[in-house]
């Protein structure tokens, strides 16, 4: 289970002026949905990996502007800024990403969107707002992918 302390990564105390009530509301909604998805994945024996740096499943949570600006490949309008997105560390065999791809209906039912795993080679990015494409699994960038397609993505 992801708790707000894990998600904020200490940034709530380091950047208190940027953490608004609207962001806190978004975070509560996000974590409720993500924790439900993780509970469903766990029924199939799938869980996110532990991040070495954070010592929890969260690879990236809320990002104040300065943190987002310093994050490689972060979008200027990242949903991490508004507490509407999370990056969960994934295993080397991409168990969580593969589970999500096999369970798109779960993402849809819960109301989560996922960046294409080719652009997220060691994490799973989930968000509670649809991307511009409205696709449940979407390409986040015009840059080349960072990884090969997973078997679940083969057409």
C-alpha atoms as a PDB file:
ATOM      1  CA  UNK A   1       0.000   0.000   0.000  1.00  0.00           C
ATOM      2  CA  UNK A   2       1.277   3.433  -0.928  1.00  0.00           C
ATOM      3  CA  UNK A   3       0.775   6.041   1.790  1.00  0.00           C
ATOM      4  CA  UNK A   4       1.011   9.827   1.402  1.00  0.00           C
ATOM      5  CA  UNK A   5       4.389   9.934   3.177  1.00  0.00           C
ATOM      6  CA  UNK A   6       5.804   7.596   0.524  1.00  0.00           C
ATOM      7  CA  UNK A   7       4.263   9.654  -2.260  1.00  0.00           C
ATOM      8  CA  UNK A   8       5.430  13.065  -1.023  1.00  0.00           C
ATOM      9  CA  UNK A   9       9.016  11.797  -0.569  1.00  0.00           C
ATOM     10  CA  UNK A  10       9.738  14.529   2.024  1.00  0.00           C
ATOM     11  CA  UNK A  11       8.899  17.238  -0.470  1.00  0.00           C
ATOM     12  CA  UNK A  12       5.813  18.265   1.500  1.00  0.00           C
ATOM     13  CA  UNK A  13       8.137  19.606   4.214  1.00  0.00           C
ATOM     14  CA  UNK A  14      10.864  20.838   1.839  1.00  0.00           C
ATOM     15  CA  UNK A  15       8.409  22.754  -0.388  1.00  0.00           C
ATOM     16  CA  UNK A  16       5.379  23.472   1.838  1.00  0.00           C
ATOM     17  CA  UNK A  17       4.387  26.601  -0.072  1.00  0.00           C
ATOM     18  CA  UNK A  18       3.794  24.619  -3.266  1.00  0.00           C
ATOM     19  CA  UNK A  19       1.654  21.884  -1.708  1.00  0.00           C
ATOM     20  CA  UNK A  20      -1.886  23.189  -2.081  1.00  0.00           C
ATOM     21  CA  UNK A  21      -5.167  21.744  -0.861  1.00  0.00           C
ATOM     22  CA  UNK A  22      -6.010  20.898  -4.482  1.00  0.00           C
ATOM     23  CA  UNK A  23      -2.812  18.851  -4.794  1.00  0.00           C
ATOM     24  CA  UNK A  24      -3.557  17.048  -1.518  1.00  0.00           C
ATOM     25  CA  UNK A  25      -7.046  16.206  -2.823  1.00  0.00           C
ATOM     26  CA  UNK A  26      -5.544  14.871  -6.067  1.00  0.00           C
ATOM     27  CA  UNK A  27      -3.021  12.784  -4.121  1.00  0.00           C
ATOM     28  CA  UNK A  28      -5.769  11.193  -2.029  1.00  0.00           C
ATOM     29  CA  UNK A  29      -7.704  10.301  -5.187  1.00  0.00           C
ATOM     30  CA  UNK A  30      -4.583   9.002  -6.947  1.00  0.00           C
ATOM     31  CA  UNK A  31      -3.455   6.834  -4.043  1.00  0.00           C
ATOM     32  CA  UNK A  32      -6.938   5.379  -3.592  1.00  0.00           C
ATOM     33  CA  UNK A  33      -7.011   4.277  -7.219  1.00  0.00           C
ATOM     34  CA  UNK A  34      -3.394   3.081  -7.324  1.00  0.00           C
ATOM     35  CA  UNK A  35      -3.791   1.074  -4.120  1.00  0.00           C
ATOM     36  CA  UNK A  36      -6.886  -0.610  -5.551  1.00  0.00           C
ATOM     37  CA  UNK A  37      -4.960  -1.528  -8.695  1.00  0.00           C
ATOM     38  CA  UNK A  38      -2.086  -2.882  -6.588  1.00  0.00           C
ATOM     39  CA  UNK A  39      -4.509  -4.974  -4.533  1.00  0.00           C
ATOM     40  CA  UNK A  40      -5.904  -6.505  -7.728  1.00  0.00           C
ATOM     41  CA  UNK A  41      -2.392  -7.172  -9.061  1.00  0.00           C
ATOM     42  CA  UNK A  42      -1.366  -8.738  -5.760  1.00  0.00           C
ATOM     43  CA  UNK A  43      -4.193 -11.288  -6.125  1.00  0.00           C
ATOM     44  CA  UNK A  44      -2.199 -12.507  -9.142  1.00  0.00           C
ATOM     45  CA  UNK A  45       1.074 -12.427  -7.196  1.00  0.00           C
ATOM     46  CA  UNK A  46       2.305  -9.196  -8.811  1.00  0.00           C
ATOM     47  CA  UNK A  47       3.671  -6.264  -6.856  1.00  0.00           C
ATOM     48  CA  UNK A  48       5.898  -3.312  -7.650  1.00  0.00           C
ATOM     49  CA  UNK A  49       9.596  -3.577  -6.858  1.00  0.00           C
ATOM     50  CA  UNK A  50      11.275  -1.566  -4.130  1.00  0.00           C
ATOM     51  CA  UNK A  51      13.121   1.567  -5.167  1.00  0.00           C
ATOM     52  CA  UNK A  52      16.669   1.538  -3.799  1.00  0.00           C
ATOM     53  CA  UNK A  53      16.652   5.273  -3.132  1.00  0.00           C
ATOM     54  CA  UNK A  54      13.197   5.670  -1.585  1.00  0.00           C
ATOM     55  CA  UNK A  55      13.022   2.197   0.044  1.00  0.00           C
ATOM     56  CA  UNK A  56       9.393   1.913  -0.992  1.00  0.00           C
ATOM     57  CA  UNK A  57       7.547   1.224  -4.244  1.00  0.00           C
ATOM     58  CA  UNK A  58       7.435   4.904  -5.258  1.00  0.00           C
ATOM     59  CA  UNK A  59      10.127   5.875  -7.751  1.00  0.00           C
ATOM     60  CA  UNK A  60       8.646   9.346  -8.223  1.00  0.00           C
ATOM     61  CA  UNK A  61       5.691  10.989  -6.534  1.00  0.00           C
ATOM     62  CA  UNK A  62       4.773  14.640  -6.108  1.00  0.00           C
ATOM     63  CA  UNK A  63       7.208  16.999  -7.805  1.00  0.00           C
ATOM     64  CA  UNK A  64       7.388  20.662  -6.911  1.00  0.00           C
ATOM     65  CA  UNK A  65       8.441  22.813  -9.873  1.00  0.00           C
ATOM     66  CA  UNK A  66      12.159  22.822  -9.002  1.00  0.00           C
ATOM     67  CA  UNK A  67      12.208  19.040  -8.664  1.00  0.00           C
ATOM     68  CA  UNK A  68      10.303  18.555 -11.912  1.00  0.00           C
ATOM     69  CA  UNK A  69      12.658  20.932 -13.715  1.00  0.00           C
ATOM     70  CA  UNK A  70      15.629  18.874 -12.474  1.00  0.00           C
ATOM     71  CA  UNK A  71      14.066  15.528 -13.424  1.00  0.00           C
ATOM     72  CA  UNK A  72      15.432  14.072 -16.654  1.00  0.00           C
ATOM     73  CA  UNK A  73      12.822  13.729 -19.405  1.00  0.00           C
ATOM     74  CA  UNK A  74      10.054  15.205 -17.217  1.00  0.00           C
ATOM     75  CA  UNK A  75       7.298  17.004 -19.105  1.00  0.00           C
ATOM     76  CA  UNK A  76       6.957  20.696 -18.312  1.00  0.00           C
ATOM     77  CA  UNK A  77       3.293  20.081 -17.505  1.00  0.00           C
ATOM     78  CA  UNK A  78       3.834  16.724 -15.768  1.00  0.00           C
ATOM     79  CA  UNK A  79       0.903  15.370 -13.798  1.00  0.00           C
ATOM     80  CA  UNK A  80       3.395  14.808 -10.966  1.00  0.00           C
ATOM     81  CA  UNK A  81       3.251  18.587 -10.391  1.00  0.00           C
ATOM     82  CA  UNK A  82      -0.439  18.408  -9.542  1.00  0.00           C
ATOM     83  CA  UNK A  83      -0.399  15.143  -7.576  1.00  0.00           C
ATOM     84  CA  UNK A  84      -2.199  13.287 -10.364  1.00  0.00           C
ATOM     85  CA  UNK A  85       0.590  10.841 -11.331  1.00  0.00           C
ATOM     86  CA  UNK A  86       2.934   8.330  -9.749  1.00  0.00           C
ATOM     87  CA  UNK A  87       5.882   6.266 -10.935  1.00  0.00           C
ATOM     88  CA  UNK A  88       6.132   2.829  -9.333  1.00  0.00           C
ATOM     89  CA  UNK A  89       9.393   0.911  -9.493  1.00  0.00           C
ATOM     90  CA  UNK A  90       9.064  -2.244 -11.603  1.00  0.00           C
ATOM     91  CA  UNK A  91      11.049  -5.462 -11.552  1.00  0.00           C
ATOM     92  CA  UNK A  92      13.649  -6.352 -14.142  1.00  0.00           C
ATOM     93  CA  UNK A  93      11.126  -8.716 -15.731  1.00  0.00           C
ATOM     94  CA  UNK A  94       8.566  -5.874 -15.839  1.00  0.00           C
ATOM     95  CA  UNK A  95       5.967  -7.842 -13.881  1.00  0.00           C
ATOM     96  CA  UNK A  96       3.794  -4.839 -13.001  1.00  0.00           C
ATOM     97  CA  UNK A  97       3.879  -3.316 -16.495  1.00  0.00           C
ATOM     98  CA  UNK A  98       3.056  -6.690 -18.038  1.00  0.00           C
ATOM     99  CA  UNK A  99       0.193  -7.220 -15.573  1.00  0.00           C
ATOM    100  CA  UNK A 100      -1.238  -3.799 -16.408  1.00  0.00           C
ATOM    101  CA  UNK A 101      -1.047  -4.502 -20.145  1.00  0.00           C
ATOM    102  CA  UNK A 102      -2.882  -7.807 -19.643  1.00  0.00           C
ATOM    103  CA  UNK A 103      -5.471  -6.077 -17.450  1.00  0.00           C
ATOM    104  CA  UNK A 104      -6.343  -2.920 -19.368  1.00  0.00           C
ATOM    105  CA  UNK A 105      -9.938  -3.433 -18.246  1.00  0.00           C
ATOM    106  CA  UNK A 106      -8.776  -2.995 -14.628  1.00  0.00           C
ATOM    107  CA  UNK A 107      -7.088   0.300 -15.501  1.00  0.00           C
ATOM    108  CA  UNK A 108     -10.267   1.429 -17.198  1.00  0.00           C
ATOM    109  CA  UNK A 109     -12.545   0.352 -14.347  1.00  0.00           C
ATOM    110  CA  UNK A 110     -10.377   2.078 -11.743  1.00  0.00           C
ATOM    111  CA  UNK A 111      -9.788   5.185 -13.864  1.00  0.00           C
ATOM    112  CA  UNK A 112      -6.048   5.045 -14.462  1.00  0.00           C
ATOM    113  CA  UNK A 113      -3.946   5.757 -17.543  1.00  0.00           C
ATOM    114  CA  UNK A 114      -0.465   4.368 -18.116  1.00  0.00           C
ATOM    115  CA  UNK A 115       2.527   5.542 -20.107  1.00  0.00           C
ATOM    116  CA  UNK A 116       3.682   3.024 -22.698  1.00  0.00           C
ATOM    117  CA  UNK A 117       6.283   0.771 -20.997  1.00  0.00           C
ATOM    118  CA  UNK A 118       8.694   1.319 -23.889  1.00  0.00           C
ATOM    119  CA  UNK A 119       9.197   4.838 -22.501  1.00  0.00           C
ATOM    120  CA  UNK A 120       9.369   3.697 -18.862  1.00  0.00           C
ATOM    121  CA  UNK A 121      11.939   0.874 -18.792  1.00  0.00           C
ATOM    122  CA  UNK A 122      12.189   0.409 -15.020  1.00  0.00           C
ATOM    123  CA  UNK A 123       8.998   1.935 -13.677  1.00  0.00           C
ATOM    124  CA  UNK A 124       5.261   2.115 -14.338  1.00  0.00           C
ATOM    125  CA  UNK A 125       3.781   5.596 -14.710  1.00  0.00           C
ATOM    126  CA  UNK A 126       0.108   5.823 -13.737  1.00  0.00           C
ATOM    127  CA  UNK A 127      -2.131   8.894 -13.708  1.00  0.00           C
ATOM    128  CA  UNK A 128      -5.749   9.731 -12.905  1.00  0.00           C
ATOM    129  CA  UNK A 129      -6.405  12.046 -15.841  1.00  0.00           C
ATOM    130  CA  UNK A 130      -6.552  11.019 -19.484  1.00  0.00           C
ATOM    131  CA  UNK A 131      -3.738  12.145 -21.756  1.00  0.00           C
ATOM    132  CA  UNK A 132      -4.466  14.213 -24.842  1.00  0.00           C
ATOM    133  CA  UNK A 133      -4.700  11.047 -26.943  1.00  0.00           C
ATOM    134  CA  UNK A 134      -7.350   9.605 -24.552  1.00  0.00           C
ATOM    135  CA  UNK A 135      -5.583   6.224 -24.956  1.00  0.00           C
ATOM    136  CA  UNK A 136      -5.435   4.045 -21.823  1.00  0.00           C
ATOM    137  CA  UNK A 137      -1.779   3.189 -22.601  1.00  0.00           C
ATOM    138  CA  UNK A 138      -0.190   6.168 -24.269  1.00  0.00           C
ATOM    139  CA  UNK A 139       3.114   7.314 -25.737  1.00  0.00           C
ATOM    140  CA  UNK A 140       4.335  10.183 -23.551  1.00  0.00           C
ATOM    141  CA  UNK A 141       6.926  11.690 -25.851  1.00  0.00           C
ATOM    142  CA  UNK A 142       8.037  12.133 -29.427  1.00  0.00           C
ATOM    143  CA  UNK A 143      11.486  10.968 -28.340  1.00  0.00           C
ATOM    144  CA  UNK A 144      12.506   7.406 -29.273  1.00  0.00           C
ATOM    145  CA  UNK A 145      11.460   4.639 -26.868  1.00  0.00           C
ATOM    146  CA  UNK A 146      13.934   3.582 -24.199  1.00  0.00           C
ATOM    147  CA  UNK A 147      13.091  -0.131 -24.303  1.00  0.00           C
ATOM    148  CA  UNK A 148      11.735  -2.830 -26.577  1.00  0.00           C
ATOM    149  CA  UNK A 149       8.075  -3.756 -26.660  1.00  0.00           C
ATOM    150  CA  UNK A 150       6.962  -6.228 -24.046  1.00  0.00           C
ATOM    151  CA  UNK A 151       5.440  -9.516 -25.276  1.00  0.00           C
ATOM    152  CA  UNK A 152       2.000  -8.229 -24.240  1.00  0.00           C
ATOM    153  CA  UNK A 153       2.418  -5.339 -26.698  1.00  0.00           C
ATOM    154  CA  UNK A 154       3.138  -7.471 -29.737  1.00  0.00           C
ATOM    155  CA  UNK A 155       0.372  -7.129 -32.305  1.00  0.00           C
END
